[in-house]
Amino acid sequence: MPKISVILPVYNVEKYIRQCLDSLINQTFKDLEIICVDDNSEDNSLNIIKEYAQRDNRFIIIEKHARGGVGEARNTGLLRASGEYISFIDPDDWIELNTYEEISKKINELNPDAICFNIAIFAEYRKINIKKDLQDLKNFYSKEDLLKENYLTFGGSACNKVIKHSILKENNIFFPHSSLQEDGAFNLIVLAIINNLYCIDKSFYIYRLREKSITHTLDYNHINAAENINFIRDFLIKHNLFNKENQEKLNEYKLSIIKSIFYLIPYEKRKNYLESCKQYFNEKEYEDFLKSYKKEYKKKEMLFSIKNEYDLYSHKKFKVITLCGKQFKFLVKNQNLI
């Protein structure tokens, strides 16, 4: 049994995947199982993986013949994994070469349910690391500590966590088959079930910020917030974890995913979307929710407005002009971003 199974969901990343795979095969810690799940790629990604597998027998390649998305690909990898701990990496990112050596030391020393570490964000268009994702983490969190923390305290990604495989298996924990915020749903469930978490304040994981990521190419017509919300609620209820603290975390997640969808929707359709969100709230919650978005659909702005907008994903500034309900977005030439 390998110490750590590393799961990569792969789809059309021929430009980036070599850097990711190099960071894995050159790890100073060698007791790894590298599971690459090709999600029916249309480029040369699969051939690149096969090339690496020919010279490293730690690779396991799973080929899917119909695209199912990141969550489904990771779930396929989980079913095949045999490691004591599970790690996830997205194939356009990479990790520091001593990542699993440092993690294995803590596993041997503490036997934690999960380990969390920091993320450095690499802005592709500027070719520099721009920030650490997490701040002010303690080293150790008990069950009681985890109950008090916001689930986003430890980052929205599943890729900065290494989790004991037996916990995932025994509790039948998988990703929802969703195309948006599946990591958040998975994290919330994992943090609700584990008894402890050890944090390493080092940026082992480097997240590549690129403009054409899956987050920016989603079709909002095919996103259903209820799918993820119900996925989490059903799990918490089934495992007798639907307490006050976890209900609050579910509400936080609910607002987060609704907000994410909101900003994918064309401006003129946002008001109708907000109306449809009634299904997720009681009357008081819905009133509070509307107040937080009041500025987004005021009549004045629907007629005419000019405002600056900063996109957190691409880290670029835009000038947004709204005219009679139609929204026009222009990239600002002088960025001065960092």
C-alpha atoms as a PDB file:
ATOM      1  CA  MET A   1       0.000   0.000   0.000  1.00  0.00           C
ATOM      2  CA  PRO A   2       1.470   3.384  -0.990  1.00  0.00           C
ATOM      3  CA  LYS A   3       1.532   6.068   1.654  1.00  0.00           C
ATOM      4  CA  ILE A   4      -0.211   8.705  -0.492  1.00  0.00           C
ATOM      5  CA  SER A   5      -2.457   8.421  -3.552  1.00  0.00           C
ATOM      6  CA  VAL A   6      -2.363  11.552  -5.706  1.00  0.00           C
ATOM      7  CA  ILE A   7      -5.424  12.030  -7.927  1.00  0.00           C
ATOM      8  CA  LEU A   8      -5.344  14.244 -11.053  1.00  0.00           C
ATOM      9  CA  PRO A   9      -8.483  14.942 -13.101  1.00  0.00           C
ATOM     10  CA  VAL A  10      -7.171  15.687 -16.605  1.00  0.00           C
ATOM     11  CA  TYR A  11      -8.930  17.564 -19.393  1.00  0.00           C
ATOM     12  CA  ASN A  12      -7.279  19.515 -22.238  1.00  0.00           C
ATOM     13  CA  VAL A  13      -4.189  20.687 -20.340  1.00  0.00           C
ATOM     14  CA  GLU A  14      -1.395  19.769 -22.759  1.00  0.00           C
ATOM     15  CA  LYS A  15       0.158  23.209 -22.281  1.00  0.00           C
ATOM     16  CA  TYR A  16       0.548  22.803 -18.520  1.00  0.00           C
ATOM     17  CA  ILE A  17       0.530  19.165 -17.490  1.00  0.00           C
ATOM     18  CA  ARG A  18       4.253  18.472 -17.871  1.00  0.00           C
ATOM     19  CA  GLN A  19       5.085  20.974 -15.144  1.00  0.00           C
ATOM     20  CA  CYS A  20       2.559  19.295 -12.870  1.00  0.00           C
ATOM     21  CA  LEU A  21       3.805  15.762 -13.582  1.00  0.00           C
ATOM     22  CA  ASP A  22       7.449  16.808 -13.204  1.00  0.00           C
ATOM     23  CA  SER A  23       6.642  18.181  -9.761  1.00  0.00           C
ATOM     24  CA  LEU A  24       5.198  14.766  -8.824  1.00  0.00           C
ATOM     25  CA  ILE A  25       7.793  12.369 -10.207  1.00  0.00           C
ATOM     26  CA  ASN A  26      10.612  14.468  -8.725  1.00  0.00           C
ATOM     27  CA  GLN A  27       9.193  14.541  -5.198  1.00  0.00           C
ATOM     28  CA  THR A  28      11.814  13.817  -2.555  1.00  0.00           C
ATOM     29  CA  PHE A  29       9.234  11.431  -1.008  1.00  0.00           C
ATOM     30  CA  LYS A  30       8.778   8.462  -3.340  1.00  0.00           C
ATOM     31  CA  ASP A  31       6.030   6.301  -1.803  1.00  0.00           C
ATOM     32  CA  LEU A  32       3.305   7.691  -4.063  1.00  0.00           C
ATOM     33  CA  GLU A  33       0.583   6.384  -6.318  1.00  0.00           C
ATOM     34  CA  ILE A  34      -0.183   8.844  -9.147  1.00  0.00           C
ATOM     35  CA  ILE A  35      -3.692   8.340 -10.542  1.00  0.00           C
ATOM     36  CA  CYS A  36      -4.456  10.306 -13.711  1.00  0.00           C
ATOM     37  CA  VAL A  37      -8.095  10.280 -14.784  1.00  0.00           C
ATOM     38  CA  ASP A  38      -8.390  11.537 -18.350  1.00  0.00           C
ATOM     39  CA  ASP A  39     -11.848  13.072 -18.756  1.00  0.00           C
ATOM     40  CA  ASN A  40     -12.054  12.432 -22.531  1.00  0.00           C
ATOM     41  CA  SER A  41      -9.463  15.085 -23.438  1.00  0.00           C
ATOM     42  CA  GLU A  42      -9.508  16.414 -26.996  1.00  0.00           C
ATOM     43  CA  ASP A  43      -5.853  17.491 -27.065  1.00  0.00           C
ATOM     44  CA  ASN A  44      -2.561  15.677 -26.417  1.00  0.00           C
ATOM     45  CA  SER A  45      -2.973  15.414 -22.618  1.00  0.00           C
ATOM     46  CA  LEU A  46      -3.561  11.655 -22.555  1.00  0.00           C
ATOM     47  CA  ASN A  47      -0.515  10.922 -24.704  1.00  0.00           C
ATOM     48  CA  ILE A  48       1.651  13.042 -22.396  1.00  0.00           C
ATOM     49  CA  ILE A  49       0.431  11.087 -19.362  1.00  0.00           C
ATOM     50  CA  LYS A  50       1.172   7.786 -21.146  1.00  0.00           C
ATOM     51  CA  GLU A  51       4.662   9.028 -21.959  1.00  0.00           C
ATOM     52  CA  TYR A  52       5.355   9.643 -18.250  1.00  0.00           C
ATOM     53  CA  ALA A  53       3.779   6.317 -17.257  1.00  0.00           C
ATOM     54  CA  GLN A  54       6.210   4.436 -19.518  1.00  0.00           C
ATOM     55  CA  ARG A  55       9.127   5.595 -17.405  1.00  0.00           C
ATOM     56  CA  ASP A  56       7.500   5.615 -13.955  1.00  0.00           C
ATOM     57  CA  ASN A  57       5.526   2.606 -12.710  1.00  0.00           C
ATOM     58  CA  ARG A  58       3.783   4.640 -10.005  1.00  0.00           C
ATOM     59  CA  PHE A  59       1.344   5.962 -12.614  1.00  0.00           C
ATOM     60  CA  ILE A  60      -2.171   4.613 -12.996  1.00  0.00           C
ATOM     61  CA  ILE A  61      -4.085   5.907 -16.012  1.00  0.00           C
ATOM     62  CA  ILE A  62      -7.872   5.781 -16.229  1.00  0.00           C
ATOM     63  CA  GLU A  63      -9.445   6.763 -19.538  1.00  0.00           C
ATOM     64  CA  LYS A  64     -13.024   8.035 -19.586  1.00  0.00           C
ATOM     65  CA  HIS A  65     -14.868   8.036 -22.900  1.00  0.00           C
ATOM     66  CA  ALA A  66     -17.432  10.670 -21.994  1.00  0.00           C
ATOM     67  CA  ARG A  67     -16.712  13.893 -20.162  1.00  0.00           C
ATOM     68  CA  GLY A  68     -18.134  13.996 -16.642  1.00  0.00           C
ATOM     69  CA  GLY A  69     -16.379  16.979 -15.067  1.00  0.00           C
ATOM     70  CA  VAL A  70     -13.794  17.437 -12.329  1.00  0.00           C
ATOM     71  CA  GLY A  71     -15.885  15.999  -9.491  1.00  0.00           C
ATOM     72  CA  GLU A  72     -16.740  12.807 -11.348  1.00  0.00           C
ATOM     73  CA  ALA A  73     -13.112  12.343 -12.473  1.00  0.00           C
ATOM     74  CA  ARG A  74     -11.876  12.700  -8.900  1.00  0.00           C
ATOM     75  CA  ASN A  75     -14.508  10.230  -7.718  1.00  0.00           C
ATOM     76  CA  THR A  76     -13.281   7.741 -10.323  1.00  0.00           C
ATOM     77  CA  GLY A  77      -9.770   8.196  -8.963  1.00  0.00           C
ATOM     78  CA  LEU A  78     -10.958   7.717  -5.387  1.00  0.00           C
ATOM     79  CA  LEU A  79     -12.525   4.364  -6.264  1.00  0.00           C
ATOM     80  CA  ARG A  80      -9.182   3.185  -7.682  1.00  0.00           C
ATOM     81  CA  ALA A  81      -6.907   4.649  -4.973  1.00  0.00           C
ATOM     82  CA  SER A  82      -5.119   2.353  -2.523  1.00  0.00           C
ATOM     83  CA  GLY A  83      -3.003   4.835  -0.532  1.00  0.00           C
ATOM     84  CA  GLU A  84      -3.199   5.465   3.196  1.00  0.00           C
ATOM     85  CA  TYR A  85      -3.833   9.168   2.482  1.00  0.00           C
ATOM     86  CA  ILE A  86      -5.439  10.944  -0.471  1.00  0.00           C
ATOM     87  CA  SER A  87      -4.194  14.095  -2.192  1.00  0.00           C
ATOM     88  CA  PHE A  88      -5.740  15.999  -5.110  1.00  0.00           C
ATOM     89  CA  ILE A  89      -3.891  18.098  -7.682  1.00  0.00           C
ATOM     90  CA  ASP A  90      -5.282  19.942 -10.676  1.00  0.00           C
ATOM     91  CA  PRO A  91      -3.085  19.295 -13.724  1.00  0.00           C
ATOM     92  CA  ASP A  92      -2.491  22.952 -14.596  1.00  0.00           C
ATOM     93  CA  ASP A  93      -1.014  23.554 -11.117  1.00  0.00           C
ATOM     94  CA  TRP A  94       2.067  22.093  -9.437  1.00  0.00           C
ATOM     95  CA  ILE A  95       3.585  21.454  -6.006  1.00  0.00           C
ATOM     96  CA  GLU A  96       6.937  22.073  -4.344  1.00  0.00           C
ATOM     97  CA  LEU A  97       9.324  19.121  -4.547  1.00  0.00           C
ATOM     98  CA  ASN A  98       9.460  18.550  -0.773  1.00  0.00           C
ATOM     99  CA  THR A  99       5.675  18.650  -0.277  1.00  0.00           C
ATOM    100  CA  TYR A 100       4.996  14.992   0.458  1.00  0.00           C
ATOM    101  CA  GLU A 101       8.207  14.514   2.424  1.00  0.00           C
ATOM    102  CA  GLU A 102       7.116  17.243   4.851  1.00  0.00           C
ATOM    103  CA  ILE A 103       3.575  15.869   4.965  1.00  0.00           C
ATOM    104  CA  SER A 104       4.732  12.272   5.540  1.00  0.00           C
ATOM    105  CA  LYS A 105       6.796  13.409   8.536  1.00  0.00           C
ATOM    106  CA  LYS A 106       3.670  14.856  10.157  1.00  0.00           C
ATOM    107  CA  ILE A 107       1.665  11.753   9.265  1.00  0.00           C
ATOM    108  CA  ASN A 108       4.229   9.509  10.971  1.00  0.00           C
ATOM    109  CA  GLU A 109       4.491  11.819  13.960  1.00  0.00           C
ATOM    110  CA  LEU A 110       0.817  12.664  14.581  1.00  0.00           C
ATOM    111  CA  ASN A 111      -1.367  10.297  12.525  1.00  0.00           C
ATOM    112  CA  PRO A 112      -3.821  13.153  11.797  1.00  0.00           C
ATOM    113  CA  ASP A 113      -7.173  12.710  10.074  1.00  0.00           C
ATOM    114  CA  ALA A 114      -6.170  15.411   7.599  1.00  0.00           C
ATOM    115  CA  ILE A 115      -3.390  17.887   6.854  1.00  0.00           C
ATOM    116  CA  CYS A 116      -3.878  21.345   5.374  1.00  0.00           C
ATOM    117  CA  PHE A 117      -1.203  23.583   3.845  1.00  0.00           C
ATOM    118  CA  ASN A 118      -0.994  26.942   2.161  1.00  0.00           C
ATOM    119  CA  ILE A 119      -1.438  27.879  -1.485  1.00  0.00           C
ATOM    120  CA  ALA A 120       0.583  30.351  -3.535  1.00  0.00           C
ATOM    121  CA  ILE A 121      -1.296  31.904  -6.442  1.00  0.00           C
ATOM    122  CA  PHE A 122       0.660  32.192  -9.685  1.00  0.00           C
ATOM    123  CA  ALA A 123      -0.734  34.869 -11.997  1.00  0.00           C
ATOM    124  CA  GLU A 124       0.084  33.436 -15.412  1.00  0.00           C
ATOM    125  CA  TYR A 125      -0.148  36.733 -17.247  1.00  0.00           C
ATOM    126  CA  ARG A 126       2.356  38.367 -14.851  1.00  0.00           C
ATOM    127  CA  LYS A 127       4.574  35.313 -14.267  1.00  0.00           C
ATOM    128  CA  ILE A 128       4.806  35.899 -10.517  1.00  0.00           C
ATOM    129  CA  ASN A 129       3.386  34.540  -7.281  1.00  0.00           C
ATOM    130  CA  ILE A 130       1.048  37.196  -5.988  1.00  0.00           C
ATOM    131  CA  LYS A 131      -0.063  36.015  -2.543  1.00  0.00           C
ATOM    132  CA  LYS A 132      -0.585  33.269  -0.035  1.00  0.00           C
ATOM    133  CA  ASP A 133      -4.161  32.075   0.044  1.00  0.00           C
ATOM    134  CA  LEU A 134      -4.515  31.416   3.785  1.00  0.00           C
ATOM    135  CA  GLN A 135      -3.503  33.527   6.741  1.00  0.00           C
ATOM    136  CA  ASP A 136      -3.068  33.078  10.511  1.00  0.00           C
ATOM    137  CA  LEU A 137      -3.664  29.341  10.743  1.00  0.00           C
ATOM    138  CA  LYS A 138      -2.979  27.467  13.962  1.00  0.00           C
ATOM    139  CA  ASN A 139      -0.953  24.265  13.789  1.00  0.00           C
ATOM    140  CA  PHE A 140      -3.610  21.972  15.230  1.00  0.00           C
ATOM    141  CA  TYR A 141      -7.415  21.979  15.223  1.00  0.00           C
ATOM    142  CA  SER A 142      -9.443  19.612  17.386  1.00  0.00           C
ATOM    143  CA  LYS A 143     -13.040  18.554  16.655  1.00  0.00           C
ATOM    144  CA  GLU A 144     -14.268  21.395  18.862  1.00  0.00           C
ATOM    145  CA  ASP A 145     -12.026  23.897  17.065  1.00  0.00           C
ATOM    146  CA  LEU A 146     -13.262  22.774  13.654  1.00  0.00           C
ATOM    147  CA  LEU A 147     -16.894  23.247  14.682  1.00  0.00           C
ATOM    148  CA  LYS A 148     -16.210  26.908  15.428  1.00  0.00           C
ATOM    149  CA  GLU A 149     -14.350  27.665  12.202  1.00  0.00           C
ATOM    150  CA  ASN A 150     -15.784  28.839   8.899  1.00  0.00           C
ATOM    151  CA  TYR A 151     -15.230  26.055   6.369  1.00  0.00           C
ATOM    152  CA  LEU A 152     -13.360  28.538   4.141  1.00  0.00           C
ATOM    153  CA  THR A 153     -10.771  29.150   6.885  1.00  0.00           C
ATOM    154  CA  PHE A 154      -8.782  26.304   5.362  1.00  0.00           C
ATOM    155  CA  GLY A 155      -9.253  27.375   1.738  1.00  0.00           C
ATOM    156  CA  GLY A 156     -11.916  26.689  -0.858  1.00  0.00           C
ATOM    157  CA  SER A 157      -9.842  24.090  -2.697  1.00  0.00           C
ATOM    158  CA  ALA A 158      -9.573  20.359  -2.066  1.00  0.00           C
ATOM    159  CA  CYS A 159      -6.016  20.489  -3.402  1.00  0.00           C
ATOM    160  CA  ASN A 160      -4.392  21.951  -0.279  1.00  0.00           C
ATOM    161  CA  LYS A 161      -5.505  19.056   1.904  1.00  0.00           C
ATOM    162  CA  VAL A 162      -4.290  15.499   2.388  1.00  0.00           C
ATOM    163  CA  ILE A 163      -6.963  13.276   3.929  1.00  0.00           C
ATOM    164  CA  LYS A 164      -6.891   9.865   5.557  1.00  0.00           C
ATOM    165  CA  HIS A 165      -8.299   7.453   2.991  1.00  0.00           C
ATOM    166  CA  SER A 166     -10.100   5.266   5.527  1.00  0.00           C
ATOM    167  CA  ILE A 167     -12.241   8.241   6.633  1.00  0.00           C
ATOM    168  CA  LEU A 168     -13.385   8.920   3.073  1.00  0.00           C
ATOM    169  CA  LYS A 169     -14.070   5.228   2.484  1.00  0.00           C
ATOM    170  CA  GLU A 170     -15.891   4.460   5.729  1.00  0.00           C
ATOM    171  CA  ASN A 171     -18.153   7.507   5.379  1.00  0.00           C
ATOM    172  CA  ASN A 172     -18.683   7.159   1.616  1.00  0.00           C
ATOM    173  CA  ILE A 173     -17.400  10.693   0.958  1.00  0.00           C
ATOM    174  CA  PHE A 174     -17.224  11.783  -2.675  1.00  0.00           C
ATOM    175  CA  PHE A 175     -17.531  14.972  -4.710  1.00  0.00           C
ATOM    176  CA  PRO A 176     -20.922  16.123  -5.982  1.00  0.00           C
ATOM    177  CA  HIS A 177     -21.404  15.783  -9.754  1.00  0.00           C
ATOM    178  CA  SER A 178     -21.492  19.538 -10.153  1.00  0.00           C
ATOM    179  CA  SER A 179     -19.535  21.977 -12.292  1.00  0.00           C
ATOM    180  CA  LEU A 180     -19.299  24.725  -9.677  1.00  0.00           C
ATOM    181  CA  GLN A 181     -17.937  24.783  -6.114  1.00  0.00           C
ATOM    182  CA  GLU A 182     -17.696  21.007  -5.843  1.00  0.00           C
ATOM    183  CA  ASP A 183     -14.529  21.551  -3.784  1.00  0.00           C
ATOM    184  CA  GLY A 184     -16.433  23.655  -1.254  1.00  0.00           C
ATOM    185  CA  ALA A 185     -19.081  20.970  -0.806  1.00  0.00           C
ATOM    186  CA  PHE A 186     -16.426  18.263  -0.389  1.00  0.00           C
ATOM    187  CA  ASN A 187     -14.427  20.373   2.091  1.00  0.00           C
ATOM    188  CA  LEU A 188     -17.454  21.198   4.215  1.00  0.00           C
ATOM    189  CA  ILE A 189     -18.338  17.511   4.518  1.00  0.00           C
ATOM    190  CA  VAL A 190     -14.752  16.436   5.284  1.00  0.00           C
ATOM    191  CA  LEU A 191     -14.332  19.129   7.954  1.00  0.00           C
ATOM    192  CA  ALA A 192     -17.609  18.038   9.544  1.00  0.00           C
ATOM    193  CA  ILE A 193     -16.567  14.380   9.767  1.00  0.00           C
ATOM    194  CA  ILE A 194     -12.883  14.498  10.797  1.00  0.00           C
ATOM    195  CA  ASN A 195     -11.763  14.669  14.439  1.00  0.00           C
ATOM    196  CA  ASN A 196      -8.622  16.746  13.903  1.00  0.00           C
ATOM    197  CA  LEU A 197      -6.681  18.722  11.326  1.00  0.00           C
ATOM    198  CA  TYR A 198      -2.994  19.652  11.266  1.00  0.00           C
ATOM    199  CA  CYS A 199      -1.942  22.758   9.336  1.00  0.00           C
ATOM    200  CA  ILE A 200       1.463  23.488   7.826  1.00  0.00           C
ATOM    201  CA  ASP A 201       2.024  27.173   7.103  1.00  0.00           C
ATOM    202  CA  LYS A 202       4.012  26.597   3.920  1.00  0.00           C
ATOM    203  CA  SER A 203       2.879  27.289   0.365  1.00  0.00           C
ATOM    204  CA  PHE A 204       3.389  23.785  -1.002  1.00  0.00           C
ATOM    205  CA  TYR A 205       0.690  24.121  -3.662  1.00  0.00           C
ATOM    206  CA  ILE A 206       1.004  26.590  -6.538  1.00  0.00           C
ATOM    207  CA  TYR A 207      -2.328  27.476  -8.121  1.00  0.00           C
ATOM    208  CA  ARG A 208      -2.069  28.748 -11.686  1.00  0.00           C
ATOM    209  CA  LEU A 209      -4.421  31.658 -12.297  1.00  0.00           C
ATOM    210  CA  ARG A 210      -5.349  31.612 -15.963  1.00  0.00           C
ATOM    211  CA  GLU A 211      -8.105  33.366 -17.822  1.00  0.00           C
ATOM    212  CA  LYS A 212      -9.760  30.391 -19.505  1.00  0.00           C
ATOM    213  CA  SER A 213     -10.266  28.206 -16.462  1.00  0.00           C
ATOM    214  CA  ILE A 214     -13.390  26.102 -15.953  1.00  0.00           C
ATOM    215  CA  THR A 215     -14.789  28.808 -13.668  1.00  0.00           C
ATOM    216  CA  HIS A 216     -14.935  31.248 -16.560  1.00  0.00           C
ATOM    217  CA  THR A 217     -16.378  28.912 -19.184  1.00  0.00           C
ATOM    218  CA  LEU A 218     -19.386  27.586 -17.265  1.00  0.00           C
ATOM    219  CA  ASP A 219     -22.852  27.810 -18.789  1.00  0.00           C
ATOM    220  CA  TYR A 220     -25.036  29.256 -16.044  1.00  0.00           C
ATOM    221  CA  ASN A 221     -28.123  27.604 -17.582  1.00  0.00           C
ATOM    222  CA  HIS A 222     -26.777  24.210 -16.508  1.00  0.00           C
ATOM    223  CA  ILE A 223     -25.841  25.119 -12.935  1.00  0.00           C
ATOM    224  CA  ASN A 224     -28.168  24.037 -10.167  1.00  0.00           C
ATOM    225  CA  ALA A 225     -27.304  25.375  -6.722  1.00  0.00           C
ATOM    226  CA  ALA A 226     -29.856  23.048  -5.120  1.00  0.00           C
ATOM    227  CA  GLU A 227     -27.840  20.013  -6.232  1.00  0.00           C
ATOM    228  CA  ASN A 228     -24.833  20.905  -4.078  1.00  0.00           C
ATOM    229  CA  ILE A 229     -26.882  22.303  -1.190  1.00  0.00           C
ATOM    230  CA  ASN A 230     -28.965  19.123  -0.963  1.00  0.00           C
ATOM    231  CA  PHE A 231     -25.834  16.986  -1.390  1.00  0.00           C
ATOM    232  CA  ILE A 232     -24.318  18.535   1.764  1.00  0.00           C
ATOM    233  CA  ARG A 233     -27.556  18.604   3.769  1.00  0.00           C
ATOM    234  CA  ASP A 234     -28.345  14.955   3.023  1.00  0.00           C
ATOM    235  CA  PHE A 235     -24.852  13.863   4.097  1.00  0.00           C
ATOM    236  CA  LEU A 236     -24.958  15.854   7.353  1.00  0.00           C
ATOM    237  CA  ILE A 237     -28.400  14.494   8.253  1.00  0.00           C
ATOM    238  CA  LYS A 238     -27.442  10.902   7.403  1.00  0.00           C
ATOM    239  CA  HIS A 239     -24.365  11.091   9.667  1.00  0.00           C
ATOM    240  CA  ASN A 240     -26.140  12.924  12.529  1.00  0.00           C
ATOM    241  CA  LEU A 241     -24.020  16.022  11.926  1.00  0.00           C
ATOM    242  CA  PHE A 242     -26.780  18.521  11.144  1.00  0.00           C
ATOM    243  CA  ASN A 243     -26.110  20.575  14.279  1.00  0.00           C
ATOM    244  CA  LYS A 244     -26.277  24.350  14.687  1.00  0.00           C
ATOM    245  CA  GLU A 245     -22.640  24.915  13.689  1.00  0.00           C
ATOM    246  CA  ASN A 246     -22.848  22.842  10.519  1.00  0.00           C
ATOM    247  CA  GLN A 247     -26.188  24.381   9.571  1.00  0.00           C
ATOM    248  CA  GLU A 248     -24.469  27.775   9.737  1.00  0.00           C
ATOM    249  CA  LYS A 249     -21.665  26.453   7.511  1.00  0.00           C
ATOM    250  CA  LEU A 250     -24.243  25.153   5.048  1.00  0.00           C
ATOM    251  CA  ASN A 251     -25.854  28.603   4.975  1.00  0.00           C
ATOM    252  CA  GLU A 252     -22.448  30.162   4.296  1.00  0.00           C
ATOM    253  CA  TYR A 253     -21.900  27.724   1.453  1.00  0.00           C
ATOM    254  CA  LYS A 254     -25.402  28.403   0.137  1.00  0.00           C
ATOM    255  CA  LEU A 255     -24.688  32.127  -0.103  1.00  0.00           C
ATOM    256  CA  SER A 256     -21.310  31.480  -1.682  1.00  0.00           C
ATOM    257  CA  ILE A 257     -22.582  29.245  -4.494  1.00  0.00           C
ATOM    258  CA  ILE A 258     -25.589  31.490  -5.211  1.00  0.00           C
ATOM    259  CA  LYS A 259     -23.269  34.475  -5.423  1.00  0.00           C
ATOM    260  CA  SER A 260     -20.962  32.601  -7.802  1.00  0.00           C
ATOM    261  CA  ILE A 261     -23.858  31.767 -10.112  1.00  0.00           C
ATOM    262  CA  PHE A 262     -25.199  35.315  -9.835  1.00  0.00           C
ATOM    263  CA  TYR A 263     -22.057  36.788 -11.368  1.00  0.00           C
ATOM    264  CA  LEU A 264     -22.102  34.295 -14.260  1.00  0.00           C
ATOM    265  CA  ILE A 265     -25.580  35.400 -15.291  1.00  0.00           C
ATOM    266  CA  PRO A 266     -26.133  38.180 -17.853  1.00  0.00           C
ATOM    267  CA  TYR A 267     -26.963  41.430 -16.112  1.00  0.00           C
ATOM    268  CA  GLU A 268     -30.506  41.724 -17.467  1.00  0.00           C
ATOM    269  CA  LYS A 269     -31.430  38.250 -16.132  1.00  0.00           C
ATOM    270  CA  ARG A 270     -30.103  38.678 -12.592  1.00  0.00           C
ATOM    271  CA  LYS A 271     -33.334  40.034 -11.118  1.00  0.00           C
ATOM    272  CA  ASN A 272     -35.270  36.951 -12.225  1.00  0.00           C
ATOM    273  CA  TYR A 273     -32.513  34.751 -10.830  1.00  0.00           C
ATOM    274  CA  LEU A 274     -32.771  36.451  -7.445  1.00  0.00           C
ATOM    275  CA  GLU A 275     -36.497  35.788  -7.463  1.00  0.00           C
ATOM    276  CA  SER A 276     -35.872  32.110  -8.155  1.00  0.00           C
ATOM    277  CA  CYS A 277     -33.549  31.910  -5.122  1.00  0.00           C
ATOM    278  CA  LYS A 278     -36.525  32.015  -2.757  1.00  0.00           C
ATOM    279  CA  GLN A 279     -36.476  28.227  -2.731  1.00  0.00           C
ATOM    280  CA  TYR A 280     -33.224  28.216  -0.761  1.00  0.00           C
ATOM    281  CA  PHE A 281     -34.305  30.504   2.110  1.00  0.00           C
ATOM    282  CA  ASN A 282     -36.940  31.130   4.719  1.00  0.00           C
ATOM    283  CA  GLU A 283     -38.648  34.522   4.558  1.00  0.00           C
ATOM    284  CA  LYS A 284     -36.236  36.350   6.899  1.00  0.00           C
ATOM    285  CA  GLU A 285     -33.144  34.853   5.223  1.00  0.00           C
ATOM    286  CA  TYR A 286     -34.463  35.850   1.807  1.00  0.00           C
ATOM    287  CA  GLU A 287     -35.020  39.444   2.902  1.00  0.00           C
ATOM    288  CA  ASP A 288     -31.448  39.633   4.190  1.00  0.00           C
ATOM    289  CA  PHE A 289     -30.188  38.020   1.008  1.00  0.00           C
ATOM    290  CA  LEU A 290     -31.961  40.589  -1.182  1.00  0.00           C
ATOM    291  CA  LYS A 291     -30.529  43.471   0.818  1.00  0.00           C
ATOM    292  CA  SER A 292     -27.026  42.231   0.145  1.00  0.00           C
ATOM    293  CA  TYR A 293     -27.678  42.335  -3.608  1.00  0.00           C
ATOM    294  CA  LYS A 294     -29.873  45.407  -3.789  1.00  0.00           C
ATOM    295  CA  LYS A 295     -27.313  47.429  -5.723  1.00  0.00           C
ATOM    296  CA  GLU A 296     -27.144  44.808  -8.436  1.00  0.00           C
ATOM    297  CA  TYR A 297     -30.614  45.429  -9.789  1.00  0.00           C
ATOM    298  CA  LYS A 298     -31.604  48.939  -8.733  1.00  0.00           C
ATOM    299  CA  LYS A 299     -33.725  50.668 -11.376  1.00  0.00           C
ATOM    300  CA  LYS A 300     -31.187  53.457 -11.685  1.00  0.00           C
ATOM    301  CA  GLU A 301     -28.416  51.032 -12.558  1.00  0.00           C
ATOM    302  CA  MET A 302     -30.631  49.108 -14.924  1.00  0.00           C
ATOM    303  CA  LEU A 303     -31.153  52.323 -16.924  1.00  0.00           C
ATOM    304  CA  PHE A 304     -27.618  53.677 -16.964  1.00  0.00           C
ATOM    305  CA  SER A 305     -24.480  53.343 -14.920  1.00  0.00           C
ATOM    306  CA  ILE A 306     -20.709  53.368 -15.313  1.00  0.00           C
ATOM    307  CA  LYS A 307     -18.559  51.636 -12.755  1.00  0.00           C
ATOM    308  CA  ASN A 308     -15.184  49.997 -12.281  1.00  0.00           C
ATOM    309  CA  GLU A 309     -15.014  46.276 -11.661  1.00  0.00           C
ATOM    310  CA  TYR A 310     -12.135  44.123 -10.423  1.00  0.00           C
ATOM    311  CA  ASP A 311     -12.246  40.449 -11.360  1.00  0.00           C
ATOM    312  CA  LEU A 312     -10.867  38.325  -8.521  1.00  0.00           C
ATOM    313  CA  TYR A 313     -10.117  35.378 -10.813  1.00  0.00           C
ATOM    314  CA  SER A 314      -8.225  37.079 -13.613  1.00  0.00           C
ATOM    315  CA  HIS A 315      -6.983  39.961 -11.412  1.00  0.00           C
ATOM    316  CA  LYS A 316      -7.881  42.483 -14.098  1.00  0.00           C
ATOM    317  CA  LYS A 317      -9.764  45.768 -14.042  1.00  0.00           C
ATOM    318  CA  PHE A 318     -12.784  46.424 -16.228  1.00  0.00           C
ATOM    319  CA  LYS A 319     -15.010  49.393 -16.994  1.00  0.00           C
ATOM    320  CA  VAL A 320     -18.640  48.235 -16.887  1.00  0.00           C
ATOM    321  CA  ILE A 321     -21.315  50.293 -18.651  1.00  0.00           C
ATOM    322  CA  THR A 322     -24.994  49.451 -18.161  1.00  0.00           C
ATOM    323  CA  LEU A 323     -27.465  50.912 -20.627  1.00  0.00           C
ATOM    324  CA  CYS A 324     -31.179  50.029 -20.547  1.00  0.00           C
ATOM    325  CA  GLY A 325     -30.514  46.724 -18.860  1.00  0.00           C
ATOM    326  CA  LYS A 326     -27.696  45.710 -21.204  1.00  0.00           C
ATOM    327  CA  GLN A 327     -24.215  45.374 -19.760  1.00  0.00           C
ATOM    328  CA  PHE A 328     -20.994  46.128 -21.666  1.00  0.00           C
ATOM    329  CA  LYS A 329     -17.595  45.284 -20.181  1.00  0.00           C
ATOM    330  CA  PHE A 330     -14.308  46.774 -21.388  1.00  0.00           C
ATOM    331  CA  LEU A 331     -10.809  45.828 -20.276  1.00  0.00           C
ATOM    332  CA  VAL A 332      -8.965  48.776 -18.723  1.00  0.00           C
ATOM    333  CA  LYS A 333      -5.695  49.338 -20.596  1.00  0.00           C
ATOM    334  CA  ASN A 334      -3.668  50.610 -17.640  1.00  0.00           C
ATOM    335  CA  GLN A 335      -3.985  47.754 -15.163  1.00  0.00           C
ATOM    336  CA  ASN A 336      -1.388  48.482 -12.444  1.00  0.00           C
ATOM    337  CA  LEU A 337      -2.664  45.388 -10.740  1.00  0.00           C
ATOM    338  CA  ILE A 338      -0.046  44.532  -8.169  1.00  0.00           C
END
